[in-house]
């Protein structure tokens, strides 16, 4: 009995990986073994960086809130502490957006907190 190899599925698998590797420099984009390694590594980084992105945005929001709060003579730490003490539940994303795009609204929050 002849050996049965599923060439259609194998080729489809390789094509899928080579498609993901498209645009890479040199053999990373068109040599199967090199492209496979590149794609695996890229997907691993994509997974971990999706998690990392959340922390990066949080730190950006904190920097923006701190800068805005210091315009009114408060540090970020003081501002957030007083905000929680007053029971105002606005998250950092919203506060940073207000600080950047609507300074009057942020000023009202600071006055409420003081």
PDB file of N, CA and C in Angstrom:
ATOM      1  N   UNK A   1       0.846  -1.192   0.000  1.00  0.00           N
ATOM      2  CA  UNK A   1       0.000   0.000   0.000  1.00  0.00           C
ATOM      3  C   UNK A   1       0.887   1.250   0.000  1.00  0.00           C
ATOM      4  N   UNK A   2       0.589   2.207  -0.878  1.00  0.00           N
ATOM      5  CA  UNK A   2       1.431   3.401  -0.944  1.00  0.00           C
ATOM      6  C   UNK A   2       1.269   4.282   0.305  1.00  0.00           C
ATOM      7  N   UNK A   3       2.350   5.018   0.566  1.00  0.00           N
ATOM      8  CA  UNK A   3       2.330   5.905   1.738  1.00  0.00           C
ATOM      9  C   UNK A   3       1.421   7.090   1.456  1.00  0.00           C
ATOM     10  N   UNK A   4       0.569   7.383   2.405  1.00  0.00           N
ATOM     11  CA  UNK A   4      -0.375   8.485   2.233  1.00  0.00           C
ATOM     12  C   UNK A   4       0.122   9.706   3.008  1.00  0.00           C
ATOM     13  N   UNK A   5       0.362  10.773   2.283  1.00  0.00           N
ATOM     14  CA  UNK A   5       0.755  12.025   2.948  1.00  0.00           C
ATOM     15  C   UNK A   5      -0.272  13.086   2.569  1.00  0.00           C
ATOM     16  N   UNK A   6      -0.690  13.820   3.553  1.00  0.00           N
ATOM     17  CA  UNK A   6      -1.702  14.842   3.290  1.00  0.00           C
ATOM     18  C   UNK A   6      -1.022  16.130   2.843  1.00  0.00           C
ATOM     19  N   UNK A   7      -0.591  16.145   1.593  1.00  0.00           N
ATOM     20  CA  UNK A   7       0.163  17.273   1.052  1.00  0.00           C
ATOM     21  C   UNK A   7      -0.659  18.555   1.041  1.00  0.00           C
ATOM     22  N   UNK A   8      -1.954  18.416   0.850  1.00  0.00           N
ATOM     23  CA  UNK A   8      -2.819  19.602   0.792  1.00  0.00           C
ATOM     24  C   UNK A   8      -2.789  20.335   2.131  1.00  0.00           C
ATOM     25  N   UNK A   9      -2.942  19.599   3.222  1.00  0.00           N
ATOM     26  CA  UNK A   9      -2.946  20.213   4.557  1.00  0.00           C
ATOM     27  C   UNK A   9      -1.564  20.767   4.907  1.00  0.00           C
ATOM     28  N   UNK A  10      -0.511  20.018   4.546  1.00  0.00           N
ATOM     29  CA  UNK A  10       0.851  20.473   4.845  1.00  0.00           C
ATOM     30  C   UNK A  10       1.147  21.787   4.143  1.00  0.00           C
ATOM     31  N   UNK A  11       0.779  21.844   2.867  1.00  0.00           N
ATOM     32  CA  UNK A  11       1.019  23.052   2.081  1.00  0.00           C
ATOM     33  C   UNK A  11       0.215  24.222   2.645  1.00  0.00           C
ATOM     34  N   UNK A  12      -1.015  23.946   3.055  1.00  0.00           N
ATOM     35  CA  UNK A  12      -1.865  25.002   3.612  1.00  0.00           C
ATOM     36  C   UNK A  12      -1.254  25.553   4.896  1.00  0.00           C
ATOM     37  N   UNK A  13      -0.718  24.647   5.720  1.00  0.00           N
ATOM     38  CA  UNK A  13      -0.063  25.074   6.970  1.00  0.00           C
ATOM     39  C   UNK A  13       1.126  25.982   6.674  1.00  0.00           C
ATOM     40  N   UNK A  14       1.942  25.564   5.717  1.00  0.00           N
ATOM     41  CA  UNK A  14       3.120  26.350   5.371  1.00  0.00           C
ATOM     42  C   UNK A  14       2.733  27.702   4.774  1.00  0.00           C
ATOM     43  N   UNK A  15       1.724  27.694   3.929  1.00  0.00           N
ATOM     44  CA  UNK A  15       1.277  28.939   3.312  1.00  0.00           C
ATOM     45  C   UNK A  15       0.760  29.922   4.358  1.00  0.00           C
ATOM     46  N   UNK A  16       0.075  29.377   5.366  1.00  0.00           N
ATOM     47  CA  UNK A  16      -0.474  30.222   6.430  1.00  0.00           C
ATOM     48  C   UNK A  16       0.661  30.930   7.188  1.00  0.00           C
ATOM     49  N   UNK A  17       1.707  30.181   7.502  1.00  0.00           N
ATOM     50  CA  UNK A  17       2.855  30.757   8.228  1.00  0.00           C
ATOM     51  C   UNK A  17       3.588  31.751   7.342  1.00  0.00           C
ATOM     52  N   UNK A  18       3.799  31.392   6.057  1.00  0.00           N
ATOM     53  CA  UNK A  18       4.510  32.301   5.158  1.00  0.00           C
ATOM     54  C   UNK A  18       3.722  33.595   4.936  1.00  0.00           C
ATOM     55  N   UNK A  19       2.407  33.494   4.973  1.00  0.00           N
ATOM     56  CA  UNK A  19       1.584  34.693   4.837  1.00  0.00           C
ATOM     57  C   UNK A  19       1.781  35.608   6.054  1.00  0.00           C
ATOM     58  N   UNK A  20       1.871  35.002   7.252  1.00  0.00           N
ATOM     59  CA  UNK A  20       2.108  35.793   8.462  1.00  0.00           C
ATOM     60  C   UNK A  20       3.501  36.421   8.462  1.00  0.00           C
ATOM     61  N   UNK A  21       4.459  35.762   7.790  1.00  0.00           N
ATOM     62  CA  UNK A  21       5.836  36.250   7.763  1.00  0.00           C
ATOM     63  C   UNK A  21       6.064  37.264   6.648  1.00  0.00           C
ATOM     64  N   UNK A  22       5.039  37.528   5.854  1.00  0.00           N
ATOM     65  CA  UNK A  22       5.171  38.435   4.723  1.00  0.00           C
ATOM     66  C   UNK A  22       5.645  39.807   5.190  1.00  0.00           C
ATOM     67  N   UNK A  23       6.603  40.379   4.465  1.00  0.00           N
ATOM     68  CA  UNK A  23       7.107  41.700   4.803  1.00  0.00           C
ATOM     69  C   UNK A  23       8.375  41.672   5.637  1.00  0.00           C
ATOM     70  N   UNK A  24       8.765  40.491   6.122  1.00  0.00           N
ATOM     71  CA  UNK A  24      10.005  40.390   6.879  1.00  0.00           C
ATOM     72  C   UNK A  24      11.200  40.487   5.936  1.00  0.00           C
ATOM     73  N   UNK A  25      12.353  40.861   6.485  1.00  0.00           N
ATOM     74  CA  UNK A  25      13.550  41.083   5.684  1.00  0.00           C
ATOM     75  C   UNK A  25      14.174  39.764   5.240  1.00  0.00           C
ATOM     76  N   UNK A  26      14.542  39.696   3.992  1.00  0.00           N
ATOM     77  CA  UNK A  26      15.305  38.559   3.458  1.00  0.00           C
ATOM     78  C   UNK A  26      14.598  37.232   3.608  1.00  0.00           C
ATOM     79  N   UNK A  27      15.352  36.234   4.064  1.00  0.00           N
ATOM     80  CA  UNK A  27      14.814  34.871   4.118  1.00  0.00           C
ATOM     81  C   UNK A  27      13.762  34.696   5.202  1.00  0.00           C
ATOM     82  N   UNK A  28      13.645  35.664   6.105  1.00  0.00           N
ATOM     83  CA  UNK A  28      12.632  35.552   7.156  1.00  0.00           C
ATOM     84  C   UNK A  28      11.217  35.559   6.569  1.00  0.00           C
ATOM     85  N   UNK A  29      11.075  36.089   5.366  1.00  0.00           N
ATOM     86  CA  UNK A  29       9.753  36.177   4.754  1.00  0.00           C
ATOM     87  C   UNK A  29       9.442  35.078   3.771  1.00  0.00           C
ATOM     88  N   UNK A  30      10.460  34.308   3.325  1.00  0.00           N
ATOM     89  CA  UNK A  30      10.144  33.332   2.279  1.00  0.00           C
ATOM     90  C   UNK A  30      10.761  31.944   2.460  1.00  0.00           C
ATOM     91  N   UNK A  31      11.614  31.740   3.456  1.00  0.00           N
ATOM     92  CA  UNK A  31      12.163  30.405   3.712  1.00  0.00           C
ATOM     93  C   UNK A  31      11.377  29.805   4.866  1.00  0.00           C
ATOM     94  N   UNK A  32      10.804  28.631   4.638  1.00  0.00           N
ATOM     95  CA  UNK A  32       9.868  28.037   5.582  1.00  0.00           C
ATOM     96  C   UNK A  32      10.406  27.938   7.001  1.00  0.00           C
ATOM     97  N   UNK A  33      11.608  27.353   7.182  1.00  0.00           N
ATOM     98  CA  UNK A  33      12.108  27.117   8.541  1.00  0.00           C
ATOM     99  C   UNK A  33      12.404  28.432   9.264  1.00  0.00           C
ATOM    100  N   UNK A  34      12.954  29.386   8.541  1.00  0.00           N
ATOM    101  CA  UNK A  34      13.275  30.684   9.148  1.00  0.00           C
ATOM    102  C   UNK A  34      11.988  31.449   9.449  1.00  0.00           C
ATOM    103  N   UNK A  35      11.053  31.428   8.489  1.00  0.00           N
ATOM    104  CA  UNK A  35       9.785  32.134   8.661  1.00  0.00           C
ATOM    105  C   UNK A  35       8.997  31.562   9.833  1.00  0.00           C
ATOM    106  N   UNK A  36       9.041  30.237   9.998  1.00  0.00           N
ATOM    107  CA  UNK A  36       8.318  29.586  11.088  1.00  0.00           C
ATOM    108  C   UNK A  36       8.810  30.105  12.433  1.00  0.00           C
ATOM    109  N   UNK A  37      10.144  30.182  12.579  1.00  0.00           N
ATOM    110  CA  UNK A  37      10.722  30.685  13.830  1.00  0.00           C
ATOM    111  C   UNK A  37      10.351  32.148  14.067  1.00  0.00           C
ATOM    112  N   UNK A  38      10.409  32.938  13.003  1.00  0.00           N
ATOM    113  CA  UNK A  38      10.081  34.360  13.102  1.00  0.00           C
ATOM    114  C   UNK A  38       8.639  34.563  13.533  1.00  0.00           C
ATOM    115  N   UNK A  39       7.743  33.808  12.916  1.00  0.00           N
ATOM    116  CA  UNK A  39       6.315  33.955  13.212  1.00  0.00           C
ATOM    117  C   UNK A  39       6.015  33.518  14.642  1.00  0.00           C
ATOM    118  N   UNK A  40       6.592  32.400  15.078  1.00  0.00           N
ATOM    119  CA  UNK A  40       6.366  31.930  16.451  1.00  0.00           C
ATOM    120  C   UNK A  40       6.820  32.968  17.459  1.00  0.00           C
ATOM    121  N   UNK A  41       8.002  33.526  17.210  1.00  0.00           N
ATOM    122  CA  UNK A  41       8.543  34.545  18.109  1.00  0.00           C
ATOM    123  C   UNK A  41       7.662  35.788  18.106  1.00  0.00           C
ATOM    124  N   UNK A  42       7.227  36.184  16.913  1.00  0.00           N
ATOM    125  CA  UNK A  42       6.369  37.367  16.796  1.00  0.00           C
ATOM    126  C   UNK A  42       5.051  37.200  17.516  1.00  0.00           C
ATOM    127  N   UNK A  43       4.457  36.019  17.399  1.00  0.00           N
ATOM    128  CA  UNK A  43       3.180  35.774  18.065  1.00  0.00           C
ATOM    129  C   UNK A  43       3.341  35.746  19.580  1.00  0.00           C
ATOM    130  N   UNK A  44       4.481  35.231  20.053  1.00  0.00           N
ATOM    131  CA  UNK A  44       4.747  35.214  21.497  1.00  0.00           C
ATOM    132  C   UNK A  44       4.862  36.644  22.019  1.00  0.00           C
ATOM    133  N   UNK A  45       5.585  37.492  21.281  1.00  0.00           N
ATOM    134  CA  UNK A  45       5.710  38.891  21.686  1.00  0.00           C
ATOM    135  C   UNK A  45       4.364  39.595  21.625  1.00  0.00           C
ATOM    136  N   UNK A  46       3.575  39.295  20.611  1.00  0.00           N
ATOM    137  CA  UNK A  46       2.263  39.933  20.472  1.00  0.00           C
ATOM    138  C   UNK A  46       1.390  39.623  21.685  1.00  0.00           C
ATOM    139  N   UNK A  47       1.452  38.379  22.156  1.00  0.00           N
ATOM    140  CA  UNK A  47       0.656  37.981  23.317  1.00  0.00           C
ATOM    141  C   UNK A  47       1.114  38.738  24.564  1.00  0.00           C
ATOM    142  N   UNK A  48       2.407  38.722  24.829  1.00  0.00           N
ATOM    143  CA  UNK A  48       2.906  39.365  26.046  1.00  0.00           C
ATOM    144  C   UNK A  48       2.737  40.884  25.994  1.00  0.00           C
ATOM    145  N   UNK A  49       2.885  41.472  24.809  1.00  0.00           N
ATOM    146  CA  UNK A  49       2.771  42.920  24.702  1.00  0.00           C
ATOM    147  C   UNK A  49       1.324  43.389  24.793  1.00  0.00           C
ATOM    148  N   UNK A  50       0.371  42.530  24.481  1.00  0.00           N
ATOM    149  CA  UNK A  50      -1.027  42.900  24.723  1.00  0.00           C
ATOM    150  C   UNK A  50      -1.264  43.100  26.210  1.00  0.00           C
ATOM    151  N   UNK A  51      -0.603  42.277  27.022  1.00  0.00           N
ATOM    152  CA  UNK A  51      -0.730  42.421  28.480  1.00  0.00           C
ATOM    153  C   UNK A  51       0.031  43.673  28.949  1.00  0.00           C
ATOM    154  N   UNK A  52       1.204  43.892  28.366  1.00  0.00           N
ATOM    155  CA  UNK A  52       2.065  45.011  28.754  1.00  0.00           C
ATOM    156  C   UNK A  52       1.428  46.353  28.423  1.00  0.00           C
ATOM    157  N   UNK A  53       0.671  46.378  27.324  1.00  0.00           N
ATOM    158  CA  UNK A  53       0.055  47.612  26.853  1.00  0.00           C
ATOM    159  C   UNK A  53      -0.858  48.232  27.905  1.00  0.00           C
ATOM    160  N   UNK A  54      -1.533  47.387  28.676  1.00  0.00           N
ATOM    161  CA  UNK A  54      -2.458  47.872  29.700  1.00  0.00           C
ATOM    162  C   UNK A  54      -1.710  48.653  30.778  1.00  0.00           C
ATOM    163  N   UNK A  55      -0.554  48.144  31.169  1.00  0.00           N
ATOM    164  CA  UNK A  55       0.266  48.844  32.159  1.00  0.00           C
ATOM    165  C   UNK A  55       0.851  50.132  31.613  1.00  0.00           C
ATOM    166  N   UNK A  56       1.229  50.110  30.329  1.00  0.00           N
ATOM    167  CA  UNK A  56       1.780  51.310  29.699  1.00  0.00           C
ATOM    168  C   UNK A  56       0.752  52.434  29.671  1.00  0.00           C
ATOM    169  N   UNK A  57      -0.498  52.086  29.345  1.00  0.00           N
ATOM    170  CA  UNK A  57      -1.543  53.102  29.309  1.00  0.00           C
ATOM    171  C   UNK A  57      -1.835  53.632  30.709  1.00  0.00           C
ATOM    172  N   UNK A  58      -1.846  52.741  31.695  1.00  0.00           N
ATOM    173  CA  UNK A  58      -2.093  53.181  33.069  1.00  0.00           C
ATOM    174  C   UNK A  58      -1.031  54.191  33.506  1.00  0.00           C
ATOM    175  N   UNK A  59       0.240  53.918  33.202  1.00  0.00           N
ATOM    176  CA  UNK A  59       1.294  54.852  33.600  1.00  0.00           C
ATOM    177  C   UNK A  59       1.188  56.172  32.833  1.00  0.00           C
ATOM    178  N   UNK A  60       0.756  56.124  31.589  1.00  0.00           N
ATOM    179  CA  UNK A  60       0.540  57.355  30.819  1.00  0.00           C
ATOM    180  C   UNK A  60      -0.556  58.203  31.467  1.00  0.00           C
ATOM    181  N   UNK A  61      -1.658  57.542  31.855  1.00  0.00           N
ATOM    182  CA  UNK A  61      -2.758  58.265  32.502  1.00  0.00           C
ATOM    183  C   UNK A  61      -2.293  58.894  33.805  1.00  0.00           C
ATOM    184  N   UNK A  62      -1.480  58.171  34.568  1.00  0.00           N
ATOM    185  CA  UNK A  62      -0.983  58.680  35.846  1.00  0.00           C
ATOM    186  C   UNK A  62      -0.114  59.921  35.628  1.00  0.00           C
ATOM    187  N   UNK A  63       0.747  59.878  34.609  1.00  0.00           N
ATOM    188  CA  UNK A  63       1.602  61.034  34.295  1.00  0.00           C
ATOM    189  C   UNK A  63       0.741  62.242  33.933  1.00  0.00           C
ATOM    190  N   UNK A  64      -0.284  62.034  33.145  1.00  0.00           N
ATOM    191  CA  UNK A  64      -1.146  63.140  32.720  1.00  0.00           C
ATOM    192  C   UNK A  64      -1.931  63.730  33.898  1.00  0.00           C
ATOM    193  N   UNK A  65      -2.451  62.860  34.754  1.00  0.00           N
ATOM    194  CA  UNK A  65      -3.201  63.333  35.920  1.00  0.00           C
ATOM    195  C   UNK A  65      -2.265  64.104  36.854  1.00  0.00           C
ATOM    196  N   UNK A  66      -1.076  63.588  37.052  1.00  0.00           N
ATOM    197  CA  UNK A  66      -0.089  64.244  37.916  1.00  0.00           C
ATOM    198  C   UNK A  66       0.245  65.634  37.397  1.00  0.00           C
ATOM    199  N   UNK A  67       0.481  65.745  36.094  1.00  0.00           N
ATOM    200  CA  UNK A  67       0.814  67.041  35.499  1.00  0.00           C
ATOM    201  C   UNK A  67      -0.332  68.039  35.686  1.00  0.00           C
ATOM    202  N   UNK A  68      -1.555  67.566  35.483  1.00  0.00           N
ATOM    203  CA  UNK A  68      -2.716  68.452  35.623  1.00  0.00           C
ATOM    204  C   UNK A  68      -2.948  68.830  37.081  1.00  0.00           C
ATOM    205  N   UNK A  69      -2.778  67.878  37.990  1.00  0.00           N
ATOM    206  CA  UNK A  69      -3.004  68.142  39.411  1.00  0.00           C
ATOM    207  C   UNK A  69      -1.976  69.133  39.950  1.00  0.00           C
ATOM    208  N   UNK A  70      -0.742  69.050  39.460  1.00  0.00           N
ATOM    209  CA  UNK A  70       0.310  69.961  39.929  1.00  0.00           C
ATOM    210  C   UNK A  70       0.043  71.412  39.519  1.00  0.00           C
ATOM    211  N   UNK A  71      -0.754  71.612  38.457  1.00  0.00           N
ATOM    212  CA  UNK A  71      -1.149  72.977  38.077  1.00  0.00           C
ATOM    213  C   UNK A  71      -2.008  73.627  39.158  1.00  0.00           C
ATOM    214  N   UNK A  72      -2.639  72.799  39.977  1.00  0.00           N
ATOM    215  CA  UNK A  72      -3.512  73.297  41.046  1.00  0.00           C
ATOM    216  C   UNK A  72      -2.893  73.073  42.421  1.00  0.00           C
ATOM    217  N   UNK A  73      -1.566  72.866  42.461  1.00  0.00           N
ATOM    218  CA  UNK A  73      -0.854  72.771  43.725  1.00  0.00           C
ATOM    219  C   UNK A  73      -1.030  71.462  44.479  1.00  0.00           C
ATOM    220  N   UNK A  74      -1.304  70.384  43.765  1.00  0.00           N
ATOM    221  CA  UNK A  74      -1.445  69.071  44.400  1.00  0.00           C
ATOM    222  C   UNK A  74      -0.580  68.058  43.660  1.00  0.00           C
ATOM    223  N   UNK A  75      -0.148  67.043  44.388  1.00  0.00           N
ATOM    224  CA  UNK A  75       0.539  65.947  43.715  1.00  0.00           C
ATOM    225  C   UNK A  75      -0.504  64.915  43.300  1.00  0.00           C
ATOM    226  N   UNK A  76      -0.087  63.985  42.478  1.00  0.00           N
ATOM    227  CA  UNK A  76      -0.982  62.899  42.048  1.00  0.00           C
ATOM    228  C   UNK A  76      -1.480  62.114  43.249  1.00  0.00           C
ATOM    229  N   UNK A  77      -0.557  61.813  44.155  1.00  0.00           N
ATOM    230  CA  UNK A  77      -0.880  61.004  45.326  1.00  0.00           C
ATOM    231  C   UNK A  77      -1.931  61.696  46.199  1.00  0.00           C
ATOM    232  N   UNK A  78      -1.711  62.968  46.467  1.00  0.00           N
ATOM    233  CA  UNK A  78      -2.674  63.746  47.261  1.00  0.00           C
ATOM    234  C   UNK A  78      -4.039  63.759  46.574  1.00  0.00           C
ATOM    235  N   UNK A  79      -4.007  64.056  45.276  1.00  0.00           N
ATOM    236  CA  UNK A  79      -5.245  64.186  44.504  1.00  0.00           C
ATOM    237  C   UNK A  79      -6.062  62.895  44.537  1.00  0.00           C
ATOM    238  N   UNK A  80      -5.391  61.773  44.268  1.00  0.00           N
ATOM    239  CA  UNK A  80      -6.110  60.495  44.238  1.00  0.00           C
ATOM    240  C   UNK A  80      -6.608  60.112  45.636  1.00  0.00           C
ATOM    241  N   UNK A  81      -5.811  60.407  46.662  1.00  0.00           N
ATOM    242  CA  UNK A  81      -6.217  60.112  48.026  1.00  0.00           C
ATOM    243  C   UNK A  81      -7.466  60.876  48.413  1.00  0.00           C
ATOM    244  N   UNK A  82      -7.491  62.167  48.105  1.00  0.00           N
ATOM    245  CA  UNK A  82      -8.653  63.000  48.435  1.00  0.00           C
ATOM    246  C   UNK A  82      -9.863  62.637  47.582  1.00  0.00           C
ATOM    247  N   UNK A  83      -9.603  62.237  46.353  1.00  0.00           N
ATOM    248  CA  UNK A  83     -10.685  61.820  45.450  1.00  0.00           C
ATOM    249  C   UNK A  83     -11.402  60.596  46.017  1.00  0.00           C
ATOM    250  N   UNK A  84     -10.600  59.629  46.484  1.00  0.00           N
ATOM    251  CA  UNK A  84     -11.189  58.418  47.076  1.00  0.00           C
ATOM    252  C   UNK A  84     -11.881  58.723  48.395  1.00  0.00           C
ATOM    253  N   UNK A  85     -11.317  59.644  49.176  1.00  0.00           N
ATOM    254  CA  UNK A  85     -11.915  60.007  50.460  1.00  0.00           C
ATOM    255  C   UNK A  85     -13.286  60.656  50.264  1.00  0.00           C
ATOM    256  N   UNK A  86     -13.416  61.450  49.209  1.00  0.00           N
ATOM    257  CA  UNK A  86     -14.697  62.103  48.898  1.00  0.00           C
ATOM    258  C   UNK A  86     -15.706  61.130  48.287  1.00  0.00           C
ATOM    259  N   UNK A  87     -15.229  59.955  47.883  1.00  0.00           N
ATOM    260  CA  UNK A  87     -16.122  58.965  47.284  1.00  0.00           C
ATOM    261  C   UNK A  87     -16.416  59.212  45.818  1.00  0.00           C
ATOM    262  N   UNK A  88     -15.552  59.966  45.153  1.00  0.00           N
ATOM    263  CA  UNK A  88     -15.721  60.206  43.716  1.00  0.00           C
ATOM    264  C   UNK A  88     -15.053  59.049  42.987  1.00  0.00           C
ATOM    265  N   UNK A  89     -15.839  58.313  42.240  1.00  0.00           N
ATOM    266  CA  UNK A  89     -15.292  57.120  41.578  1.00  0.00           C
ATOM    267  C   UNK A  89     -15.141  57.358  40.075  1.00  0.00           C
ATOM    268  N   UNK A  90     -14.078  58.073  39.724  1.00  0.00           N
ATOM    269  CA  UNK A  90     -13.698  58.234  38.319  1.00  0.00           C
ATOM    270  C   UNK A  90     -12.389  57.495  38.115  1.00  0.00           C
ATOM    271  N   UNK A  91     -12.323  56.694  37.071  1.00  0.00           N
ATOM    272  CA  UNK A  91     -11.079  55.947  36.854  1.00  0.00           C
ATOM    273  C   UNK A  91     -10.019  56.832  36.211  1.00  0.00           C
ATOM    274  N   UNK A  92      -8.792  56.324  36.178  1.00  0.00           N
ATOM    275  CA  UNK A  92      -7.658  57.108  35.701  1.00  0.00           C
ATOM    276  C   UNK A  92      -7.792  57.488  34.228  1.00  0.00           C
ATOM    277  N   UNK A  93      -8.396  56.606  33.454  1.00  0.00           N
ATOM    278  CA  UNK A  93      -8.570  56.876  32.021  1.00  0.00           C
ATOM    279  C   UNK A  93      -9.441  58.118  31.817  1.00  0.00           C
ATOM    280  N   UNK A  94     -10.543  58.183  32.545  1.00  0.00           N
ATOM    281  CA  UNK A  94     -11.466  59.310  32.423  1.00  0.00           C
ATOM    282  C   UNK A  94     -10.823  60.586  32.955  1.00  0.00           C
ATOM    283  N   UNK A  95     -10.149  60.485  34.105  1.00  0.00           N
ATOM    284  CA  UNK A  95      -9.486  61.655  34.680  1.00  0.00           C
ATOM    285  C   UNK A  95      -8.423  62.217  33.739  1.00  0.00           C
ATOM    286  N   UNK A  96      -7.633  61.325  33.130  1.00  0.00           N
ATOM    287  CA  UNK A  96      -6.590  61.766  32.202  1.00  0.00           C
ATOM    288  C   UNK A  96      -7.210  62.433  30.981  1.00  0.00           C
ATOM    289  N   UNK A  97      -8.324  61.895  30.507  1.00  0.00           N
ATOM    290  CA  UNK A  97      -9.005  62.475  29.351  1.00  0.00           C
ATOM    291  C   UNK A  97      -9.536  63.869  29.692  1.00  0.00           C
ATOM    292  N   UNK A  98     -10.127  63.997  30.876  1.00  0.00           N
ATOM    293  CA  UNK A  98     -10.618  65.311  31.300  1.00  0.00           C
ATOM    294  C   UNK A  98      -9.468  66.306  31.443  1.00  0.00           C
ATOM    295  N   UNK A  99      -8.364  65.856  32.019  1.00  0.00           N
ATOM    296  CA  UNK A  99      -7.212  66.732  32.219  1.00  0.00           C
ATOM    297  C   UNK A  99      -6.664  67.238  30.889  1.00  0.00           C
ATOM    298  N   UNK A 100      -6.664  66.378  29.876  1.00  0.00           N
ATOM    299  CA  UNK A 100      -6.114  66.753  28.574  1.00  0.00           C
ATOM    300  C   UNK A 100      -7.093  67.594  27.753  1.00  0.00           C
ATOM    301  N   UNK A 101      -8.353  67.134  27.687  1.00  0.00           N
ATOM    302  CA  UNK A 101      -9.290  67.710  26.713  1.00  0.00           C
ATOM    303  C   UNK A 101     -10.296  68.693  27.301  1.00  0.00           C
ATOM    304  N   UNK A 102     -10.555  68.601  28.607  1.00  0.00           N
ATOM    305  CA  UNK A 102     -11.522  69.505  29.228  1.00  0.00           C
ATOM    306  C   UNK A 102     -10.977  70.015  30.561  1.00  0.00           C
ATOM    307  N   UNK A 103     -10.014  70.929  30.501  1.00  0.00           N
ATOM    308  CA  UNK A 103      -9.368  71.393  31.739  1.00  0.00           C
ATOM    309  C   UNK A 103     -10.334  72.051  32.725  1.00  0.00           C
ATOM    310  N   UNK A 104     -11.411  72.677  32.213  1.00  0.00           N
ATOM    311  CA  UNK A 104     -12.377  73.319  33.120  1.00  0.00           C
ATOM    312  C   UNK A 104     -13.076  72.268  33.986  1.00  0.00           C
ATOM    313  N   UNK A 105     -13.436  71.161  33.385  1.00  0.00           N
ATOM    314  CA  UNK A 105     -14.097  70.078  34.127  1.00  0.00           C
ATOM    315  C   UNK A 105     -13.130  69.489  35.159  1.00  0.00           C
ATOM    316  N   UNK A 106     -11.873  69.344  34.770  1.00  0.00           N
ATOM    317  CA  UNK A 106     -10.873  68.808  35.705  1.00  0.00           C
ATOM    318  C   UNK A 106     -10.682  69.786  36.863  1.00  0.00           C
ATOM    319  N   UNK A 107     -10.700  71.086  36.558  1.00  0.00           N
ATOM    320  CA  UNK A 107     -10.553  72.096  37.602  1.00  0.00           C
ATOM    321  C   UNK A 107     -11.703  72.003  38.610  1.00  0.00           C
ATOM    322  N   UNK A 108     -12.907  71.759  38.115  1.00  0.00           N
ATOM    323  CA  UNK A 108     -14.072  71.618  39.001  1.00  0.00           C
ATOM    324  C   UNK A 108     -13.892  70.410  39.941  1.00  0.00           C
ATOM    325  N   UNK A 109     -13.341  69.339  39.409  1.00  0.00           N
ATOM    326  CA  UNK A 109     -13.096  68.139  40.229  1.00  0.00           C
ATOM    327  C   UNK A 109     -12.069  68.471  41.302  1.00  0.00           C
ATOM    328  N   UNK A 110     -11.008  69.185  40.925  1.00  0.00           N
ATOM    329  CA  UNK A 110      -9.970  69.552  41.891  1.00  0.00           C
ATOM    330  C   UNK A 110     -10.559  70.429  42.988  1.00  0.00           C
ATOM    331  N   UNK A 111     -11.404  71.394  42.610  1.00  0.00           N
ATOM    332  CA  UNK A 111     -12.034  72.279  43.596  1.00  0.00           C
ATOM    333  C   UNK A 111     -12.947  71.506  44.535  1.00  0.00           C
ATOM    334  N   UNK A 112     -13.652  70.515  44.005  1.00  0.00           N
ATOM    335  CA  UNK A 112     -14.515  69.661  44.822  1.00  0.00           C
ATOM    336  C   UNK A 112     -13.707  68.873  45.833  1.00  0.00           C
ATOM    337  N   UNK A 113     -12.552  68.417  45.405  1.00  0.00           N
ATOM    338  CA  UNK A 113     -11.702  67.570  46.235  1.00  0.00           C
ATOM    339  C   UNK A 113     -11.009  68.378  47.336  1.00  0.00           C
ATOM    340  N   UNK A 114     -10.612  69.614  47.028  1.00  0.00           N
ATOM    341  CA  UNK A 114      -9.838  70.424  47.982  1.00  0.00           C
ATOM    342  C   UNK A 114     -10.636  70.778  49.224  1.00  0.00           C
TER     343      UNK A 114
END
